[in-house]
Amino acid sequence: MWRCKVRLLLSLLCLTFLISTTATQRPPDQPNVLLIILDDFRPVINYGYGDGNAITVNIDRLVQQGFFFQNAFAQQALCAPSRNSMLTGRRPDTVRLYDFYSYWRHTSGNYTTLPQYFKQHGYRTHSVGKVFHPGASSNFTDDFPLSWSEPAFHPLTDEYSNAAVCIDPADGRLKRNLLCPVRLETQPLHTLPDIESTEEAKRFLSTVGLSQPYFLAVGYRKPHIPFRIPAKYLGLHPVAKFATLDLDYPPYGLPTVAWSSYLDVRNRDDFRQLNVSFPFGPVPDDFKLRIRQHYYAAVTFVDELIGELLQEVDLSRTIVALTSDHGWALGEHGEWAKYSNYDAAVRIPLVIRAPDMQTPHQQKIDNVVELLDLYSTLVDLAGLPPVPRCDEQRPHKATTCTEGKSLVPLMQRNSTGHGENDGDEWIAYSQYPRPGTYPSLFPNSDEPKLRHIKIMGYSMRTDRFRYTAWIKFNPDYFKRDWSTIYGEELYDHWIDPQENMNLIDRAPLATVKDALRAKLQEKFP
């Protein structure tokens, strides 16, 4: 009798093993995915993007081996709304988040996120660093366990990111400075958040095997302010190589509602000492140069960490995508921040390297694309079932859909010269909220809370024009009122790539303005 029981038990164990092996066995063509997200990172990249001041050796190598999108744009130039839009594949108006204080599953819809979709299809998913914005906008869990197979990792030193840990060069005291070069041995725990994140990502990669593909998202905090970075990187970027901009003042014809007064920069101790008047006072030229120096040094610092990370990645089996949540103005229009609809604030790098789409040279793509397109693109590259497009009139209704489109057909056409044009429009839409028509401290006009929003600036970027309309907005019902327009902007990139001259009142462009306004109103009725 006992022998029968043993045989039965062995049979059950074998059956269980076969079932578990079948369930977890990795298909031979199932690639891993590594998503690298930088913070406030405009495309200051040397190779491909052509920024001669940038020292980005490792990102350059990634650009050389993959596809890079010259005209990629985020949907809102603020961390939490942009990240939630990217990771749900839906616009801020659909997610109904324009600040940091609500969780879309509770307030908008139970949407399937990008990592959740991969997890549902057998991937092990892991979040390292700042991927979702920490806090209420990701339910204080980074959307675990729905999006991630294990709890998200946050560096222990995150809590010191805005603390008084900068040694002020004037008096040697610890302050909350904007410019914050440091020595690691003087810092809490003798390290920095992005160094911790790199080590955690490397640890995770050491645990993965061949039986289950992974989706690893690594969110770096730099070059976000404060520029708390190892001091040695400043030596690579002497301040003498930077220059002031010819046009670092508000554009001609700028409606005041469009202005970002960079309150987060103004609140730093070293900036306060400059006594720059609010909201339009100029920053001293020497401090402008030092801001640019520290920004570029922060980029080089994180580029070196990306190089360490990529050394641990099996690139023959891994899709790598690198991007940012939004850009950051370095004096364009006299601004030192995001918080706007200008190219400087919403234009981002987007680099994709896929093992099955390797080419002998870099592939530049000029089409205007959106950050929320990344969702469908990574799903498509991984060979997973395509994510359906949301109903444009009712994007809240479906749990699993995206308002973006896959960029793979565009990559294929660019690489081979073949492939059908699917009729997609190449327009990027962005938006930014304001509490009023003039910059204010209270409420904060750069980061207004939902209840304070009275105006929404909707913007569209084509290959030639940027058109923006600032219209009345009701935050209680998320309703737009196109009958009340507080300001309009029109920039022609063929003659004004820096968006320094608002052409909205130029009579010869009236037809263009009317057509763009009609298109924007159709998109956001």
Protein backbone atom coordinates (compact mmCIF):
# COMPACT_ATOMS: atom_id res chain seq x y z
CA MET A 1 0.00 0.00 0.00
CA TRP A 2 2.76 2.40 0.97
CA ARG A 3 4.54 1.69 -2.34
CA CYS A 4 1.40 2.74 -4.24
CA LYS A 5 1.24 5.91 -2.19
CA VAL A 6 4.92 6.64 -2.91
CA ARG A 7 4.43 6.06 -6.65
CA LEU A 8 1.35 8.29 -6.58
CA LEU A 9 3.27 10.99 -4.73
CA LEU A 10 6.18 10.80 -7.18
CA SER A 11 3.78 10.98 -10.10
CA LEU A 12 2.15 14.08 -8.62
CA LEU A 13 5.55 15.68 -8.01
CA CYS A 14 6.62 14.99 -11.58
CA LEU A 15 3.35 16.38 -12.91
CA THR A 16 3.73 19.48 -10.75
CA PHE A 17 7.29 19.93 -11.99
CA LEU A 18 6.22 19.60 -15.62
CA ILE A 19 3.38 22.08 -15.15
CA SER A 20 5.60 24.61 -13.36
CA THR A 21 8.35 24.17 -15.95
CA THR A 22 5.87 24.72 -18.77
CA ALA A 23 4.42 27.78 -17.04
CA THR A 24 7.77 29.48 -16.42
CA GLN A 25 9.80 28.25 -19.38
CA ARG A 26 10.97 31.26 -21.32
CA PRO A 27 10.09 31.22 -25.02
CA PRO A 28 13.33 31.31 -27.02
CA ASP A 29 12.54 34.73 -28.54
CA GLN A 30 11.15 36.44 -25.42
CA PRO A 31 13.45 39.41 -24.70
CA ASN A 32 14.09 41.16 -21.41
CA VAL A 33 13.26 44.85 -21.08
CA LEU A 34 15.35 47.51 -19.34
CA LEU A 35 13.67 50.90 -19.04
CA ILE A 36 15.94 53.74 -17.87
CA ILE A 37 14.17 56.94 -16.82
CA LEU A 38 16.08 60.11 -15.99
CA ASP A 39 14.60 63.08 -14.15
CA ASP A 40 14.32 66.59 -15.69
CA PHE A 41 16.65 65.43 -18.48
CA ARG A 42 16.52 67.45 -21.68
CA PRO A 43 18.42 65.91 -24.62
CA VAL A 44 21.90 67.08 -23.57
CA ILE A 45 23.50 64.16 -25.39
CA ASN A 46 26.59 64.46 -27.52
CA TYR A 47 26.20 61.76 -30.16
CA GLY A 48 23.15 62.02 -32.41
CA TYR A 49 21.50 64.84 -30.48
CA GLY A 50 24.50 67.05 -31.19
CA ASP A 51 25.08 68.81 -27.87
CA GLY A 52 28.80 69.58 -27.97
CA ASN A 53 28.93 70.52 -24.28
CA ALA A 54 27.63 67.12 -23.17
CA ILE A 55 29.93 64.34 -21.96
CA THR A 56 27.69 61.28 -22.27
CA VAL A 57 29.95 58.45 -23.35
CA ASN A 58 27.63 55.61 -22.34
CA ILE A 59 24.41 57.17 -23.59
CA ASP A 60 26.26 57.98 -26.83
CA ARG A 61 27.05 54.29 -27.25
CA LEU A 62 23.40 53.40 -26.74
CA VAL A 63 22.38 55.98 -29.35
CA GLN A 64 24.93 54.58 -31.80
CA GLN A 65 23.49 51.09 -31.46
CA GLY A 66 19.81 51.93 -31.61
CA PHE A 67 17.09 54.29 -32.72
CA PHE A 68 16.81 57.79 -31.36
CA PHE A 69 13.89 60.14 -31.72
CA GLN A 70 14.86 63.75 -32.28
CA ASN A 71 11.37 65.10 -31.65
CA ALA A 72 9.88 63.21 -28.70
CA PHE A 73 7.70 65.10 -26.23
CA ALA A 74 6.22 64.49 -22.78
CA GLN A 75 2.57 65.10 -22.00
CA GLN A 76 3.09 67.37 -18.97
CA ALA A 77 6.27 68.96 -17.66
CA LEU A 78 5.84 67.76 -14.08
CA CYS A 79 7.15 64.50 -12.62
CA ALA A 80 4.09 62.64 -11.32
CA PRO A 81 1.64 63.47 -14.14
CA SER A 82 4.23 62.71 -16.80
CA ARG A 83 5.28 59.39 -15.28
CA ASN A 84 1.70 58.25 -14.75
CA SER A 85 0.88 59.20 -18.33
CA MET A 86 3.89 57.32 -19.69
CA LEU A 87 3.33 54.20 -17.56
CA THR A 88 -0.42 53.99 -18.21
CA GLY A 89 -0.20 55.08 -21.85
CA ARG A 90 -2.88 57.71 -21.21
CA ARG A 91 -3.04 61.47 -21.23
CA PRO A 92 -3.10 63.54 -18.03
CA ASP A 93 -6.74 64.40 -18.69
CA THR A 94 -7.57 60.68 -18.71
CA VAL A 95 -5.50 59.87 -15.62
CA ARG A 96 -6.89 63.08 -14.05
CA LEU A 97 -3.66 63.90 -12.35
CA TYR A 98 -1.94 67.27 -12.77
CA ASP A 99 -0.23 67.41 -9.37
CA PHE A 100 1.07 64.82 -6.86
CA TYR A 101 -1.96 64.07 -4.71
CA SER A 102 -4.25 61.43 -6.23
CA TYR A 103 -4.03 57.80 -7.34
CA TRP A 104 -5.55 57.05 -10.72
CA ARG A 105 -7.01 53.67 -9.71
CA HIS A 106 -9.14 55.46 -7.11
CA THR A 107 -10.02 58.62 -9.01
CA SER A 108 -10.02 57.78 -12.71
CA GLY A 109 -9.93 54.08 -13.61
CA ASN A 110 -8.29 50.75 -12.86
CA TYR A 111 -5.88 51.05 -15.77
CA THR A 112 -3.37 48.37 -16.70
CA THR A 113 0.11 49.86 -16.48
CA LEU A 114 3.08 49.10 -18.72
CA PRO A 115 4.90 46.94 -16.14
CA GLN A 116 1.61 45.34 -15.12
CA TYR A 117 1.00 44.28 -18.73
CA PHE A 118 4.41 42.63 -18.86
CA LYS A 119 3.81 40.98 -15.49
CA GLN A 120 0.50 39.57 -16.75
CA HIS A 121 2.42 38.00 -19.63
CA GLY A 122 4.92 36.12 -17.48
CA TYR A 123 7.59 38.74 -16.84
CA ARG A 124 9.28 39.34 -13.51
CA THR A 125 8.93 43.09 -12.98
CA HIS A 126 11.02 45.23 -10.66
CA SER A 127 11.16 48.98 -9.96
CA VAL A 128 14.35 50.67 -8.79
CA GLY A 129 14.53 54.32 -7.77
CA LYS A 130 12.15 56.96 -9.09
CA VAL A 131 9.94 55.21 -11.65
CA PHE A 132 6.44 56.07 -10.55
CA HIS A 133 6.57 59.24 -8.49
CA PRO A 134 6.66 58.16 -4.83
CA GLY A 135 3.72 59.12 -2.65
CA ALA A 136 -0.01 59.52 -3.14
CA SER A 137 0.17 59.49 -6.95
CA SER A 138 1.28 55.83 -6.82
CA ASN A 139 -0.67 54.86 -3.68
CA PHE A 140 2.48 55.10 -1.50
CA THR A 141 3.48 51.67 -2.90
CA ASP A 142 4.71 52.52 -6.41
CA ASP A 143 1.60 50.58 -7.53
CA PHE A 144 2.81 47.33 -5.93
CA PRO A 145 1.70 44.54 -6.17
CA LEU A 146 -0.25 45.25 -9.37
CA SER A 147 2.67 46.59 -11.40
CA TRP A 148 5.61 44.87 -9.76
CA SER A 149 6.51 41.32 -8.82
CA GLU A 150 8.27 42.52 -5.66
CA PRO A 151 8.22 45.73 -3.61
CA ALA A 152 9.84 48.70 -5.30
CA PHE A 153 13.31 49.74 -4.20
CA HIS A 154 13.97 53.27 -2.96
CA PRO A 155 17.44 54.37 -1.86
CA LEU A 156 17.86 55.02 1.85
CA THR A 157 19.46 58.35 1.01
CA ASP A 158 16.34 59.62 -0.78
CA GLU A 159 15.25 61.31 2.45
CA TYR A 160 18.28 63.62 2.27
CA SER A 161 17.69 64.74 -1.32
CA ASN A 162 16.36 68.14 -0.21
CA ALA A 163 18.03 68.34 3.19
CA ALA A 164 20.67 70.82 4.33
CA VAL A 165 23.65 68.68 3.31
CA CYS A 166 25.44 71.11 0.99
CA ILE A 167 28.58 72.78 2.36
CA ASP A 168 28.20 76.44 1.48
CA PRO A 169 31.48 77.76 0.00
CA ALA A 170 30.95 81.18 1.58
CA ASP A 171 30.70 80.21 5.25
CA GLY A 172 31.16 76.42 5.40
CA ARG A 173 27.70 75.86 6.87
CA LEU A 174 25.30 73.13 5.74
CA LYS A 175 22.53 74.55 3.56
CA ARG A 176 19.80 73.64 1.06
CA ASN A 177 21.65 74.92 -1.97
CA LEU A 178 20.85 74.58 -5.65
CA LEU A 179 24.52 74.08 -6.52
CA CYS A 180 25.70 71.25 -4.30
CA PRO A 181 28.96 69.51 -5.27
CA VAL A 182 29.89 67.08 -2.51
CA ARG A 183 32.39 64.50 -1.37
CA LEU A 184 30.72 61.18 -0.67
CA GLU A 185 32.45 60.73 2.66
CA THR A 186 30.69 63.87 3.94
CA GLN A 187 27.22 62.74 2.90
CA PRO A 188 24.67 60.75 4.93
CA LEU A 189 25.49 57.03 4.60
CA HIS A 190 28.49 58.08 2.45
CA THR A 191 26.62 57.64 -0.81
CA LEU A 192 23.96 59.19 -3.06
CA PRO A 193 20.54 57.92 -4.25
CA ASP A 194 21.54 57.21 -7.84
CA ILE A 195 24.58 55.24 -6.72
CA GLU A 196 22.33 53.14 -4.48
CA SER A 197 19.87 52.58 -7.32
CA THR A 198 22.63 51.40 -9.64
CA GLU A 199 23.83 48.89 -7.06
CA GLU A 200 20.29 47.58 -6.53
CA ALA A 201 19.72 47.22 -10.28
CA LYS A 202 22.99 45.29 -10.58
CA ARG A 203 21.95 43.08 -7.66
CA PHE A 204 18.63 42.34 -9.36
CA LEU A 205 20.37 41.47 -12.62
CA SER A 206 22.59 39.01 -10.77
CA THR A 207 19.47 37.09 -9.66
CA VAL A 208 17.77 36.68 -13.03
CA GLY A 209 18.01 33.45 -14.97
CA LEU A 210 17.08 32.21 -18.41
CA SER A 211 13.72 30.69 -17.44
CA GLN A 212 11.76 33.94 -16.96
CA PRO A 213 12.16 37.24 -18.80
CA TYR A 214 12.34 40.42 -16.76
CA PHE A 215 11.07 43.97 -17.03
CA LEU A 216 13.41 46.18 -15.00
CA ALA A 217 12.71 49.91 -14.65
CA VAL A 218 15.51 52.05 -13.21
CA GLY A 219 14.67 55.64 -12.34
CA TYR A 220 17.57 58.00 -11.75
CA ARG A 221 17.05 61.24 -9.81
CA LYS A 222 19.56 63.33 -11.69
CA PRO A 223 19.89 65.82 -13.24
CA HIS A 224 16.90 66.99 -11.12
CA ILE A 225 17.73 69.77 -8.68
CA PRO A 226 19.46 70.18 -6.32
CA PHE A 227 22.65 69.42 -8.19
CA ARG A 228 24.00 67.22 -5.38
CA ILE A 229 26.69 65.30 -7.22
CA PRO A 230 30.30 64.23 -6.63
CA ALA A 231 32.44 67.35 -7.00
CA LYS A 232 34.86 65.66 -9.41
CA TYR A 233 32.37 65.95 -12.28
CA LEU A 234 32.56 69.75 -12.24
CA GLY A 235 36.17 69.44 -13.33
CA LEU A 236 35.00 67.81 -16.56
CA HIS A 237 32.82 70.84 -17.28
CA PRO A 238 34.78 74.05 -16.63
CA VAL A 239 32.44 77.00 -16.40
CA ALA A 240 34.41 78.77 -19.14
CA LYS A 241 32.94 76.47 -21.82
CA PHE A 242 29.42 77.75 -21.17
CA ALA A 243 27.92 81.01 -22.36
CA THR A 244 24.87 83.09 -21.65
CA LEU A 245 22.06 82.83 -24.18
CA ASP A 246 21.37 85.63 -26.62
CA LEU A 247 17.66 85.49 -25.84
CA ASP A 248 17.27 84.57 -22.18
CA TYR A 249 14.21 86.66 -21.47
CA PRO A 250 10.45 86.13 -21.89
CA PRO A 251 9.48 85.79 -25.57
CA TYR A 252 8.03 88.75 -27.40
CA GLY A 253 4.25 88.62 -27.06
CA LEU A 254 4.32 86.11 -24.19
CA PRO A 255 1.00 85.90 -22.32
CA THR A 256 1.81 86.05 -18.59
CA VAL A 257 -0.19 82.85 -17.99
CA ALA A 258 2.52 80.93 -19.86
CA TRP A 259 5.35 82.03 -17.57
CA SER A 260 7.09 79.68 -15.17
CA SER A 261 8.61 81.56 -12.26
CA TYR A 262 10.79 78.56 -11.16
CA LEU A 263 9.76 78.71 -7.51
CA ASP A 264 11.62 75.51 -6.60
CA VAL A 265 14.90 77.12 -7.69
CA ARG A 266 14.05 80.37 -5.91
CA ASN A 267 13.56 78.46 -2.65
CA ARG A 268 17.17 77.23 -2.55
CA ASP A 269 19.44 78.98 -0.06
CA ASP A 270 22.17 80.01 -2.49
CA PHE A 271 19.63 81.36 -4.99
CA ARG A 272 17.83 83.37 -2.31
CA GLN A 273 21.06 85.25 -1.65
CA LEU A 274 20.92 86.63 -5.21
CA ASN A 275 17.77 88.67 -4.41
CA VAL A 276 16.25 88.02 -7.84
CA SER A 277 12.95 89.87 -8.02
CA PHE A 278 9.75 87.87 -8.51
CA PRO A 279 8.57 86.89 -11.06
CA PHE A 280 10.56 88.33 -13.99
CA GLY A 281 13.84 89.48 -12.44
CA PRO A 282 17.02 88.44 -14.29
CA VAL A 283 19.51 85.98 -12.82
CA PRO A 284 23.13 87.24 -12.63
CA ASP A 285 25.20 86.05 -15.59
CA ASP A 286 27.85 84.29 -13.50
CA PHE A 287 25.21 82.27 -11.67
CA LYS A 288 23.54 81.32 -14.97
CA LEU A 289 26.82 79.81 -16.15
CA ARG A 290 27.27 77.89 -12.93
CA ILE A 291 23.73 76.45 -13.19
CA ARG A 292 24.54 75.17 -16.67
CA GLN A 293 27.88 73.80 -15.48
CA HIS A 294 26.26 71.87 -12.63
CA TYR A 295 23.43 70.56 -14.83
CA TYR A 296 25.87 69.13 -17.39
CA ALA A 297 28.05 67.71 -14.61
CA ALA A 298 24.99 65.96 -13.15
CA VAL A 299 24.29 64.43 -16.57
CA THR A 300 27.84 63.10 -16.82
CA PHE A 301 27.55 61.66 -13.32
CA VAL A 302 24.40 59.71 -14.18
CA ASP A 303 25.82 58.71 -17.57
CA GLU A 304 28.69 56.99 -15.77
CA LEU A 305 26.22 55.08 -13.59
CA ILE A 306 24.28 54.02 -16.69
CA GLY A 307 27.53 52.64 -18.08
CA GLU A 308 28.02 50.55 -14.94
CA LEU A 309 24.48 49.24 -15.23
CA LEU A 310 24.72 48.34 -18.92
CA GLN A 311 27.86 46.29 -18.29
CA GLU A 312 25.66 43.86 -16.35
CA VAL A 313 23.02 43.54 -19.08
CA ASP A 314 22.94 40.79 -21.70
CA LEU A 315 22.28 43.11 -24.63
CA SER A 316 21.77 40.19 -27.01
CA ARG A 317 18.55 39.33 -25.16
CA THR A 318 17.43 42.72 -23.84
CA ILE A 319 15.47 45.67 -25.18
CA VAL A 320 16.86 48.89 -23.69
CA ALA A 321 14.88 52.12 -23.68
CA LEU A 322 16.20 55.39 -22.25
CA THR A 323 14.10 58.47 -21.73
CA SER A 324 13.09 61.20 -19.28
CA ASP A 325 9.89 62.40 -17.65
CA HIS A 326 10.32 65.88 -19.21
CA GLY A 327 12.96 68.51 -19.97
CA TRP A 328 14.27 71.51 -18.06
CA ALA A 329 14.94 75.07 -19.22
CA LEU A 330 18.52 76.29 -18.90
CA GLY A 331 17.76 79.96 -19.35
CA GLU A 332 15.52 79.73 -22.43
CA HIS A 333 12.90 82.47 -22.09
CA GLY A 334 14.62 83.48 -18.85
CA GLU A 335 13.34 80.31 -17.12
CA TRP A 336 15.21 77.73 -15.02
CA ALA A 337 12.67 74.97 -14.65
CA LYS A 338 10.07 72.78 -16.33
CA TYR A 339 6.44 73.89 -15.62
CA SER A 340 5.58 75.03 -19.16
CA ASN A 341 4.62 73.87 -22.63
CA TYR A 342 7.78 75.06 -24.37
CA ASP A 343 10.09 72.64 -26.18
CA ALA A 344 12.72 73.23 -23.48
CA ALA A 345 10.30 71.80 -20.89
CA VAL A 346 8.56 68.97 -22.77
CA ARG A 347 11.12 67.78 -25.31
CA ILE A 348 12.82 64.61 -24.10
CA PRO A 349 15.39 62.11 -25.34
CA LEU A 350 14.00 58.77 -26.46
CA VAL A 351 16.51 56.06 -27.34
CA ILE A 352 15.55 52.45 -28.05
CA ARG A 353 17.94 49.58 -28.65
CA ALA A 354 16.34 46.25 -29.65
CA PRO A 355 18.35 43.07 -30.28
CA ASP A 356 16.18 42.07 -33.25
CA MET A 357 16.51 45.47 -34.91
CA GLN A 358 20.26 46.06 -34.85
CA THR A 359 21.66 48.22 -37.62
CA PRO A 360 25.25 48.98 -38.67
CA HIS A 361 24.77 52.67 -37.83
CA GLN A 362 22.61 54.90 -35.68
CA GLN A 363 19.05 55.49 -36.78
CA LYS A 364 17.74 59.01 -36.34
CA ILE A 365 13.96 59.47 -36.50
CA ASP A 366 12.67 63.01 -37.00
CA ASN A 367 8.93 62.35 -36.73
CA VAL A 368 7.16 64.07 -33.85
CA VAL A 369 6.27 61.39 -31.28
CA GLU A 370 4.94 61.29 -27.71
CA LEU A 371 6.23 59.79 -24.49
CA LEU A 372 3.01 57.81 -24.03
CA ASP A 373 3.87 55.99 -27.29
CA LEU A 374 6.51 54.08 -25.33
CA TYR A 375 3.91 51.71 -23.81
CA SER A 376 2.72 50.22 -27.11
CA THR A 377 6.23 50.32 -28.56
CA LEU A 378 7.82 48.16 -25.85
CA VAL A 379 4.89 45.73 -25.95
CA ASP A 380 5.29 45.45 -29.72
CA LEU A 381 9.07 44.99 -29.57
CA ALA A 382 8.70 42.24 -26.96
CA GLY A 383 6.27 40.33 -29.18
CA LEU A 384 3.40 40.50 -26.69
CA PRO A 385 -0.23 40.78 -27.81
CA PRO A 386 -0.78 44.36 -29.04
CA VAL A 387 -2.50 46.77 -26.67
CA PRO A 388 -5.66 48.18 -28.26
CA ARG A 389 -6.04 51.91 -28.80
CA CYS A 390 -8.45 53.64 -26.44
CA ASP A 391 -11.70 55.07 -27.71
CA GLU A 392 -10.80 58.75 -28.14
CA GLN A 393 -14.22 59.85 -26.96
CA ARG A 394 -14.24 57.55 -23.91
CA PRO A 395 -10.63 56.76 -22.95
CA HIS A 396 -11.68 56.06 -19.33
CA LYS A 397 -13.87 53.09 -20.19
CA ALA A 398 -11.37 50.34 -21.03
CA THR A 399 -9.06 48.86 -18.40
CA THR A 400 -6.38 47.85 -20.90
CA CYS A 401 -5.81 50.29 -23.75
CA THR A 402 -3.48 53.12 -24.64
CA GLU A 403 -3.85 56.56 -26.16
CA GLY A 404 -0.43 56.20 -27.77
CA LYS A 405 0.73 54.22 -30.76
CA SER A 406 3.51 51.76 -31.40
CA LEU A 407 6.59 53.32 -32.96
CA VAL A 408 7.87 49.97 -34.26
CA PRO A 409 6.42 50.41 -37.78
CA LEU A 410 8.15 53.79 -37.92
CA MET A 411 11.43 52.22 -36.76
CA GLN A 412 11.08 49.48 -39.38
CA ARG A 413 10.40 51.95 -42.17
CA ASN A 414 13.35 54.07 -41.07
CA SER A 415 15.65 51.04 -40.92
CA THR A 416 14.68 49.24 -44.12
CA GLY A 417 12.92 51.86 -46.18
CA HIS A 418 9.98 49.48 -46.43
CA GLY A 419 6.67 49.18 -44.69
CA GLU A 420 3.24 50.65 -45.00
CA ASN A 421 2.30 54.07 -43.70
CA ASP A 422 -0.51 53.41 -41.25
CA GLY A 423 -1.92 56.93 -41.45
CA ASP A 424 -0.93 57.98 -37.93
CA GLU A 425 -0.58 61.71 -37.38
CA TRP A 426 2.77 62.95 -36.12
CA ILE A 427 1.68 65.52 -33.57
CA ALA A 428 2.60 65.73 -29.89
CA TYR A 429 0.13 67.11 -27.36
CA SER A 430 1.11 68.58 -24.02
CA GLN A 431 -0.69 70.51 -21.31
CA TYR A 432 -0.01 72.54 -18.20
CA PRO A 433 -2.34 73.89 -15.50
CA ARG A 434 -2.37 77.34 -13.92
CA PRO A 435 -4.31 78.86 -11.01
CA GLY A 436 -4.51 82.28 -12.69
CA THR A 437 -3.23 84.47 -15.48
CA TYR A 438 -0.25 85.89 -13.57
CA PRO A 439 2.58 84.11 -11.70
CA SER A 440 1.81 83.72 -8.01
CA LEU A 441 3.38 82.37 -4.85
CA PHE A 442 0.05 81.35 -3.28
CA PRO A 443 -1.35 79.37 -4.92
CA ASN A 444 1.83 78.11 -6.46
CA SER A 445 1.48 78.88 -10.17
CA ASP A 446 4.22 76.37 -11.09
CA GLU A 447 2.74 73.43 -9.17
CA PRO A 448 -0.94 74.22 -8.54
CA LYS A 449 -2.99 71.69 -6.62
CA LEU A 450 -6.07 70.37 -8.41
CA ARG A 451 -8.52 72.53 -6.47
CA HIS A 452 -6.62 75.69 -7.46
CA ILE A 453 -6.53 75.02 -11.22
CA LYS A 454 -8.60 77.52 -13.17
CA ILE A 455 -6.79 77.47 -16.52
CA MET A 456 -5.35 74.67 -18.65
CA GLY A 457 -2.80 75.35 -21.36
CA TYR A 458 -3.24 72.84 -24.19
CA SER A 459 -0.37 72.68 -26.66
CA MET A 460 0.31 70.87 -29.90
CA ARG A 461 3.67 70.43 -31.61
CA THR A 462 3.86 69.61 -35.31
CA ASP A 463 7.05 69.31 -37.33
CA ARG A 464 6.88 73.07 -37.96
CA PHE A 465 4.63 74.80 -35.42
CA ARG A 466 3.86 74.91 -31.73
CA TYR A 467 0.41 76.26 -30.94
CA THR A 468 -0.85 76.71 -27.37
CA ALA A 469 -4.23 77.88 -26.06
CA TRP A 470 -4.78 78.73 -22.38
CA ILE A 471 -8.47 78.07 -21.71
CA LYS A 472 -10.87 78.04 -18.78
CA PHE A 473 -10.89 74.75 -16.87
CA ASN A 474 -13.17 73.40 -14.14
CA PRO A 475 -11.23 71.07 -11.76
CA ASP A 476 -14.37 69.77 -10.06
CA TYR A 477 -15.76 68.22 -13.24
CA PHE A 478 -12.62 68.20 -15.44
CA LYS A 479 -14.44 70.35 -17.98
CA ARG A 480 -12.92 72.62 -20.60
CA ASP A 481 -14.46 75.89 -21.76
CA TRP A 482 -13.14 77.00 -25.14
CA SER A 483 -15.32 80.09 -25.04
CA THR A 484 -12.84 81.66 -22.62
CA ILE A 485 -9.26 81.82 -23.89
CA TYR A 486 -6.78 83.62 -21.63
CA GLY A 487 -3.87 83.58 -24.05
CA GLU A 488 -2.53 81.98 -27.22
CA GLU A 489 0.95 81.25 -28.56
CA LEU A 490 2.21 80.33 -32.01
CA TYR A 491 5.87 79.57 -32.77
CA ASP A 492 7.30 78.70 -36.19
CA HIS A 493 10.22 76.30 -35.80
CA TRP A 494 11.40 76.85 -39.35
CA ILE A 495 12.48 80.40 -38.46
CA ASP A 496 12.45 80.33 -34.64
CA PRO A 497 13.52 76.92 -33.24
CA GLN A 498 14.00 78.37 -29.74
CA GLU A 499 10.38 79.63 -29.58
CA ASN A 500 11.38 83.21 -28.83
CA MET A 501 8.79 85.04 -30.93
CA ASN A 502 5.06 84.58 -30.41
CA LEU A 503 3.45 85.02 -33.86
CA ILE A 504 -0.15 84.64 -32.75
CA ASP A 505 -1.14 88.14 -33.95
CA ARG A 506 0.60 87.99 -37.34
CA ALA A 507 -2.10 88.41 -39.97
CA PRO A 508 -0.41 86.22 -42.64
CA LEU A 509 -0.55 83.29 -40.18
CA ALA A 510 -4.22 83.71 -39.23
CA THR A 511 -5.27 80.72 -41.35
CA VAL A 512 -2.58 78.56 -39.75
CA LYS A 513 -3.63 79.68 -36.27
CA ASP A 514 -7.29 78.92 -36.94
CA ALA A 515 -6.50 75.46 -38.35
CA LEU A 516 -4.28 74.55 -35.40
CA ARG A 517 -6.81 75.84 -32.87
CA ALA A 518 -9.56 73.79 -34.51
CA LYS A 519 -7.36 70.69 -34.43
CA LEU A 520 -6.48 71.23 -30.77
CA GLN A 521 -10.10 71.83 -29.81
CA GLU A 522 -11.12 68.67 -31.66
CA LYS A 523 -8.55 66.72 -29.63
CA PHE A 524 -9.62 68.27 -26.32
CA PRO A 525 -13.28 69.29 -26.80
